Amino acid sequence: MPETRRADARRNYARILTVAEREVAAHGADASLEQIARTAQVGSATVRRHFPTRRALLEAVARTRIEALCARAHDLTGKADSRAALLEWLSDVVAYCVTARGLAAALTYDGTGADPVHQNSCSAALEEAAGPLLRRAAQDGAVAAEFTVADLIALAVGLALATEHHSDPAAAANRLFRLTVAGLSPRS
């Protein structure tokens, strides 16, 4: 009997996640958890059991993109121009946040990191993956040493959220990103 429950739980998880991906794509981070439960044909309690917080659901929806951004950071780490590599990665983060509804919300911090249910695994994964990029750029004097990957993620999230209602959010975010890059430059 326990095997059946585990299989049911796995099926429910997969069904909820599939529905959540569609709902978040359509409605963003505010997608209705009740609608997700109804469409997945499970109860609200089942959704909450698998995803105890909205952030947990958003992180699960964003996981594939986060993994791609982590892989991108690893690929760029060996580039000769450390500043260009870091800015290329950060530009990708901004672009993903703008185009993937719900990703910016999945990356935001809520300040409750001590509770494992509220930890931000998406941001933590990006911080770990991009840490070597930022450290190398700082060591090369290509970016100011006081910046952290968390700062860069907050910047990307801020740009995405600030431009989400523009007629062309990607162009607006890209413009603001280019303006911001000048602020990342070390002072001569």
C-alpha atoms as a PDB file:
ATOM      1  CA  MET A   1       0.000   0.000   0.000  1.00  0.00           C
ATOM      2  CA  PRO A   2       2.771   2.578   0.758  1.00  0.00           C
ATOM      3  CA  GLU A   3       4.104   2.076  -2.786  1.00  0.00           C
ATOM      4  CA  THR A   4       0.684   2.998  -4.182  1.00  0.00           C
ATOM      5  CA  ARG A   5       0.585   6.155  -2.098  1.00  0.00           C
ATOM      6  CA  ARG A   6       4.032   7.170  -3.195  1.00  0.00           C
ATOM      7  CA  ALA A   7       3.106   6.589  -6.824  1.00  0.00           C
ATOM      8  CA  ASP A   8      -0.102   8.598  -6.327  1.00  0.00           C
ATOM      9  CA  ALA A   9       1.872  11.351  -4.641  1.00  0.00           C
ATOM     10  CA  ARG A  10       4.330  11.426  -7.540  1.00  0.00           C
ATOM     11  CA  ARG A  11       1.500  11.579 -10.069  1.00  0.00           C
ATOM     12  CA  ASN A  12      -0.242  14.329  -8.104  1.00  0.00           C
ATOM     13  CA  TYR A  13       2.992  16.309  -7.879  1.00  0.00           C
ATOM     14  CA  ALA A  14       3.593  16.011 -11.632  1.00  0.00           C
ATOM     15  CA  ARG A  15      -0.010  16.936 -12.448  1.00  0.00           C
ATOM     16  CA  ILE A  16       0.035  19.936 -10.090  1.00  0.00           C
ATOM     17  CA  LEU A  17       3.347  21.140 -11.512  1.00  0.00           C
ATOM     18  CA  THR A  18       2.151  20.813 -15.115  1.00  0.00           C
ATOM     19  CA  VAL A  19      -0.993  22.810 -14.341  1.00  0.00           C
ATOM     20  CA  ALA A  20       0.983  25.344 -12.303  1.00  0.00           C
ATOM     21  CA  GLU A  21       3.386  25.917 -15.195  1.00  0.00           C
ATOM     22  CA  ARG A  22       0.452  26.773 -17.474  1.00  0.00           C
ATOM     23  CA  GLU A  23      -1.270  28.952 -14.862  1.00  0.00           C
ATOM     24  CA  VAL A  24       1.891  30.876 -13.977  1.00  0.00           C
ATOM     25  CA  ALA A  25       2.638  31.411 -17.677  1.00  0.00           C
ATOM     26  CA  ALA A  26      -0.872  32.802 -18.125  1.00  0.00           C
ATOM     27  CA  HIS A  27      -1.301  34.739 -14.868  1.00  0.00           C
ATOM     28  CA  GLY A  28       2.186  35.246 -13.440  1.00  0.00           C
ATOM     29  CA  ALA A  29       3.157  34.817  -9.808  1.00  0.00           C
ATOM     30  CA  ASP A  30      -0.389  35.552  -8.639  1.00  0.00           C
ATOM     31  CA  ALA A  31      -1.842  32.462 -10.316  1.00  0.00           C
ATOM     32  CA  SER A  32      -4.657  31.073  -8.203  1.00  0.00           C
ATOM     33  CA  LEU A  33      -3.641  28.079  -6.120  1.00  0.00           C
ATOM     34  CA  GLU A  34      -7.298  27.073  -5.918  1.00  0.00           C
ATOM     35  CA  GLN A  35      -7.573  27.135  -9.719  1.00  0.00           C
ATOM     36  CA  ILE A  36      -4.410  25.051  -9.961  1.00  0.00           C
ATOM     37  CA  ALA A  37      -5.901  22.503  -7.540  1.00  0.00           C
ATOM     38  CA  ARG A  38      -9.215  22.373  -9.439  1.00  0.00           C
ATOM     39  CA  THR A  39      -7.555  21.989 -12.830  1.00  0.00           C
ATOM     40  CA  ALA A  40      -5.152  19.339 -11.497  1.00  0.00           C
ATOM     41  CA  GLN A  41      -8.177  17.582  -9.960  1.00  0.00           C
ATOM     42  CA  VAL A  42      -6.722  17.550  -6.459  1.00  0.00           C
ATOM     43  CA  GLY A  43      -7.682  19.276  -3.253  1.00  0.00           C
ATOM     44  CA  SER A  44      -6.115  22.497  -2.018  1.00  0.00           C
ATOM     45  CA  ALA A  45      -4.553  20.546   0.838  1.00  0.00           C
ATOM     46  CA  THR A  46      -2.768  18.300  -1.676  1.00  0.00           C
ATOM     47  CA  VAL A  47      -1.307  21.351  -3.408  1.00  0.00           C
ATOM     48  CA  ARG A  48      -0.187  22.749  -0.025  1.00  0.00           C
ATOM     49  CA  ARG A  49       1.305  19.396   0.986  1.00  0.00           C
ATOM     50  CA  HIS A  50       3.526  19.373  -2.089  1.00  0.00           C
ATOM     51  CA  PHE A  51       4.122  23.147  -2.135  1.00  0.00           C
ATOM     52  CA  PRO A  52       3.805  24.590   1.387  1.00  0.00           C
ATOM     53  CA  THR A  53       4.274  28.174   0.158  1.00  0.00           C
ATOM     54  CA  ARG A  54       3.545  30.065  -3.036  1.00  0.00           C
ATOM     55  CA  ARG A  55       7.297  30.565  -3.395  1.00  0.00           C
ATOM     56  CA  ALA A  56       7.856  26.785  -3.280  1.00  0.00           C
ATOM     57  CA  LEU A  57       5.430  26.399  -6.182  1.00  0.00           C
ATOM     58  CA  LEU A  58       7.028  29.250  -8.139  1.00  0.00           C
ATOM     59  CA  GLU A  59      10.481  27.790  -7.549  1.00  0.00           C
ATOM     60  CA  ALA A  60       9.350  24.413  -8.853  1.00  0.00           C
ATOM     61  CA  VAL A  61       7.870  26.087 -11.943  1.00  0.00           C
ATOM     62  CA  ALA A  62      11.093  28.073 -12.483  1.00  0.00           C
ATOM     63  CA  ARG A  63      13.477  25.150 -11.843  1.00  0.00           C
ATOM     64  CA  THR A  64      14.248  24.426 -15.519  1.00  0.00           C
ATOM     65  CA  ARG A  65      15.118  28.053 -16.224  1.00  0.00           C
ATOM     66  CA  ILE A  66      17.174  28.301 -13.050  1.00  0.00           C
ATOM     67  CA  GLU A  67      19.131  25.198 -14.063  1.00  0.00           C
ATOM     68  CA  ALA A  68      19.766  26.757 -17.487  1.00  0.00           C
ATOM     69  CA  LEU A  69      21.012  29.998 -15.878  1.00  0.00           C
ATOM     70  CA  CYS A  70      23.295  27.992 -13.570  1.00  0.00           C
ATOM     71  CA  ALA A  71      24.696  26.063 -16.526  1.00  0.00           C
ATOM     72  CA  ARG A  72      25.197  29.345 -18.379  1.00  0.00           C
ATOM     73  CA  ALA A  73      27.177  30.758 -15.430  1.00  0.00           C
ATOM     74  CA  HIS A  74      29.410  27.662 -15.434  1.00  0.00           C
ATOM     75  CA  ASP A  75      29.941  27.943 -19.210  1.00  0.00           C
ATOM     76  CA  LEU A  76      30.919  31.617 -18.949  1.00  0.00           C
ATOM     77  CA  THR A  77      33.272  31.213 -15.984  1.00  0.00           C
ATOM     78  CA  GLY A  78      36.325  30.455 -18.126  1.00  0.00           C
ATOM     79  CA  LYS A  79      35.921  33.329 -20.601  1.00  0.00           C
ATOM     80  CA  ALA A  80      38.946  35.593 -20.958  1.00  0.00           C
ATOM     81  CA  ASP A  81      36.988  38.832 -20.410  1.00  0.00           C
ATOM     82  CA  SER A  82      35.561  38.355 -16.915  1.00  0.00           C
ATOM     83  CA  ARG A  83      33.476  41.548 -17.038  1.00  0.00           C
ATOM     84  CA  ALA A  84      31.878  40.606 -20.357  1.00  0.00           C
ATOM     85  CA  ALA A  85      31.174  37.110 -19.034  1.00  0.00           C
ATOM     86  CA  LEU A  86      29.492  38.425 -15.884  1.00  0.00           C
ATOM     87  CA  LEU A  87      27.442  40.995 -17.789  1.00  0.00           C
ATOM     88  CA  GLU A  88      26.422  38.400 -20.382  1.00  0.00           C
ATOM     89  CA  TRP A  89      25.150  36.135 -17.594  1.00  0.00           C
ATOM     90  CA  LEU A  90      23.381  38.980 -15.815  1.00  0.00           C
ATOM     91  CA  SER A  91      21.767  40.046 -19.091  1.00  0.00           C
ATOM     92  CA  ASP A  92      20.473  36.477 -19.458  1.00  0.00           C
ATOM     93  CA  VAL A  93      19.026  36.621 -15.933  1.00  0.00           C
ATOM     94  CA  VAL A  94      17.242  39.895 -16.736  1.00  0.00           C
ATOM     95  CA  ALA A  95      15.924  38.495 -20.028  1.00  0.00           C
ATOM     96  CA  TYR A  96      14.662  35.315 -18.327  1.00  0.00           C
ATOM     97  CA  CYS A  97      12.992  37.326 -15.573  1.00  0.00           C
ATOM     98  CA  VAL A  98      11.225  39.473 -18.164  1.00  0.00           C
ATOM     99  CA  THR A  99      10.079  36.632 -20.399  1.00  0.00           C
ATOM    100  CA  ALA A 100       9.281  33.915 -17.850  1.00  0.00           C
ATOM    101  CA  ARG A 101       6.272  35.020 -15.873  1.00  0.00           C
ATOM    102  CA  GLY A 102       6.690  34.226 -12.220  1.00  0.00           C
ATOM    103  CA  LEU A 103      10.492  33.881 -12.349  1.00  0.00           C
ATOM    104  CA  ALA A 104      11.136  37.330 -10.873  1.00  0.00           C
ATOM    105  CA  ALA A 105       8.800  36.535  -7.991  1.00  0.00           C
ATOM    106  CA  ALA A 106      10.543  33.194  -7.464  1.00  0.00           C
ATOM    107  CA  LEU A 107      13.851  35.025  -7.100  1.00  0.00           C
ATOM    108  CA  THR A 108      12.716  37.677  -4.631  1.00  0.00           C
ATOM    109  CA  TYR A 109      13.843  37.467  -1.046  1.00  0.00           C
ATOM    110  CA  ASP A 110      11.364  37.645   1.805  1.00  0.00           C
ATOM    111  CA  GLY A 111      13.837  37.874   4.673  1.00  0.00           C
ATOM    112  CA  THR A 112      12.670  34.689   6.395  1.00  0.00           C
ATOM    113  CA  GLY A 113      15.639  32.545   5.367  1.00  0.00           C
ATOM    114  CA  ALA A 114      16.021  30.859   8.774  1.00  0.00           C
ATOM    115  CA  ASP A 115      12.914  28.742   8.150  1.00  0.00           C
ATOM    116  CA  PRO A 116      13.724  26.036   5.537  1.00  0.00           C
ATOM    117  CA  VAL A 117      10.190  26.272   4.129  1.00  0.00           C
ATOM    118  CA  HIS A 118      10.869  29.899   3.231  1.00  0.00           C
ATOM    119  CA  GLN A 119      14.418  29.525   1.928  1.00  0.00           C
ATOM    120  CA  ASN A 120      14.921  30.607  -1.634  1.00  0.00           C
ATOM    121  CA  SER A 121      16.470  27.671  -3.467  1.00  0.00           C
ATOM    122  CA  CYS A 122      16.347  29.427  -6.856  1.00  0.00           C
ATOM    123  CA  SER A 123      18.395  32.375  -5.675  1.00  0.00           C
ATOM    124  CA  ALA A 124      20.714  30.125  -3.682  1.00  0.00           C
ATOM    125  CA  ALA A 125      21.432  28.022  -6.790  1.00  0.00           C
ATOM    126  CA  LEU A 126      22.133  31.140  -8.862  1.00  0.00           C
ATOM    127  CA  GLU A 127      24.359  32.592  -6.150  1.00  0.00           C
ATOM    128  CA  GLU A 128      26.426  29.413  -6.018  1.00  0.00           C
ATOM    129  CA  ALA A 129      26.694  29.141  -9.804  1.00  0.00           C
ATOM    130  CA  ALA A 130      27.513  32.805 -10.457  1.00  0.00           C
ATOM    131  CA  GLY A 131      29.798  33.289  -7.460  1.00  0.00           C
ATOM    132  CA  PRO A 132      32.945  32.341  -9.410  1.00  0.00           C
ATOM    133  CA  LEU A 133      31.966  34.705 -12.252  1.00  0.00           C
ATOM    134  CA  LEU A 134      31.581  37.650  -9.892  1.00  0.00           C
ATOM    135  CA  ARG A 135      34.685  36.830  -7.836  1.00  0.00           C
ATOM    136  CA  ARG A 136      36.826  36.631 -10.958  1.00  0.00           C
ATOM    137  CA  ALA A 137      35.451  39.893 -12.336  1.00  0.00           C
ATOM    138  CA  ALA A 138      36.118  41.594  -8.982  1.00  0.00           C
ATOM    139  CA  GLN A 139      39.651  40.132  -8.799  1.00  0.00           C
ATOM    140  CA  ASP A 140      40.309  41.438 -12.305  1.00  0.00           C
ATOM    141  CA  GLY A 141      39.098  44.894 -11.234  1.00  0.00           C
ATOM    142  CA  ALA A 142      36.321  44.629 -13.809  1.00  0.00           C
ATOM    143  CA  VAL A 143      33.493  45.271 -11.326  1.00  0.00           C
ATOM    144  CA  ALA A 144      33.358  46.931  -7.949  1.00  0.00           C
ATOM    145  CA  ALA A 145      34.333  44.477  -5.217  1.00  0.00           C
ATOM    146  CA  GLU A 146      31.434  45.298  -2.885  1.00  0.00           C
ATOM    147  CA  PHE A 147      28.742  43.729  -5.092  1.00  0.00           C
ATOM    148  CA  THR A 148      27.336  40.282  -4.319  1.00  0.00           C
ATOM    149  CA  VAL A 149      25.483  37.866  -6.545  1.00  0.00           C
ATOM    150  CA  ALA A 150      22.426  38.515  -4.342  1.00  0.00           C
ATOM    151  CA  ASP A 151      22.728  42.202  -5.301  1.00  0.00           C
ATOM    152  CA  LEU A 152      22.830  41.271  -8.977  1.00  0.00           C
ATOM    153  CA  ILE A 153      19.794  38.996  -8.642  1.00  0.00           C
ATOM    154  CA  ALA A 154      17.894  41.757  -6.826  1.00  0.00           C
ATOM    155  CA  LEU A 155      18.833  44.108  -9.662  1.00  0.00           C
ATOM    156  CA  ALA A 156      17.553  41.692 -12.310  1.00  0.00           C
ATOM    157  CA  VAL A 157      14.322  41.129 -10.385  1.00  0.00           C
ATOM    158  CA  GLY A 158      13.868  44.860  -9.913  1.00  0.00           C
ATOM    159  CA  LEU A 159      14.345  45.553 -13.612  1.00  0.00           C
ATOM    160  CA  ALA A 160      11.856  42.830 -14.543  1.00  0.00           C
ATOM    161  CA  LEU A 161       9.250  44.000 -12.051  1.00  0.00           C
ATOM    162  CA  ALA A 162       9.743  47.678 -12.940  1.00  0.00           C
ATOM    163  CA  THR A 163       9.159  47.035 -16.629  1.00  0.00           C
ATOM    164  CA  GLU A 164       6.523  44.272 -16.612  1.00  0.00           C
ATOM    165  CA  HIS A 165       3.712  46.658 -17.594  1.00  0.00           C
ATOM    166  CA  HIS A 166       5.610  48.466 -20.363  1.00  0.00           C
ATOM    167  CA  SER A 167       4.420  47.962 -23.919  1.00  0.00           C
ATOM    168  CA  ASP A 168       7.749  46.215 -24.637  1.00  0.00           C
ATOM    169  CA  PRO A 169       9.039  44.929 -21.283  1.00  0.00           C
ATOM    170  CA  ALA A 170      12.118  43.262 -22.788  1.00  0.00           C
ATOM    171  CA  ALA A 171      13.292  46.458 -24.503  1.00  0.00           C
ATOM    172  CA  ALA A 172      12.604  48.556 -21.409  1.00  0.00           C
ATOM    173  CA  ALA A 173      14.431  46.133 -19.130  1.00  0.00           C
ATOM    174  CA  ASN A 174      17.368  45.921 -21.538  1.00  0.00           C
ATOM    175  CA  ARG A 175      17.620  49.725 -21.668  1.00  0.00           C
ATOM    176  CA  LEU A 176      17.574  49.998 -17.876  1.00  0.00           C
ATOM    177  CA  PHE A 177      20.095  47.170 -17.651  1.00  0.00           C
ATOM    178  CA  ARG A 178      22.510  49.019 -19.949  1.00  0.00           C
ATOM    179  CA  LEU A 179      22.079  52.188 -17.875  1.00  0.00           C
ATOM    180  CA  THR A 180      22.730  50.233 -14.687  1.00  0.00           C
ATOM    181  CA  VAL A 181      25.888  48.602 -15.986  1.00  0.00           C
ATOM    182  CA  ALA A 182      27.632  51.964 -15.818  1.00  0.00           C
ATOM    183  CA  GLY A 183      26.877  51.925 -12.073  1.00  0.00           C
ATOM    184  CA  LEU A 184      28.530  48.510 -11.717  1.00  0.00           C
ATOM    185  CA  SER A 185      31.773  49.827 -13.096  1.00  0.00           C
ATOM    186  CA  PRO A 186      34.542  50.445 -10.610  1.00  0.00           C
ATOM    187  CA  ARG A 187      35.332  54.110 -10.064  1.00  0.00           C
ATOM    188  CA  SER A 188      38.597  55.212 -11.652  1.00  0.00           C
END
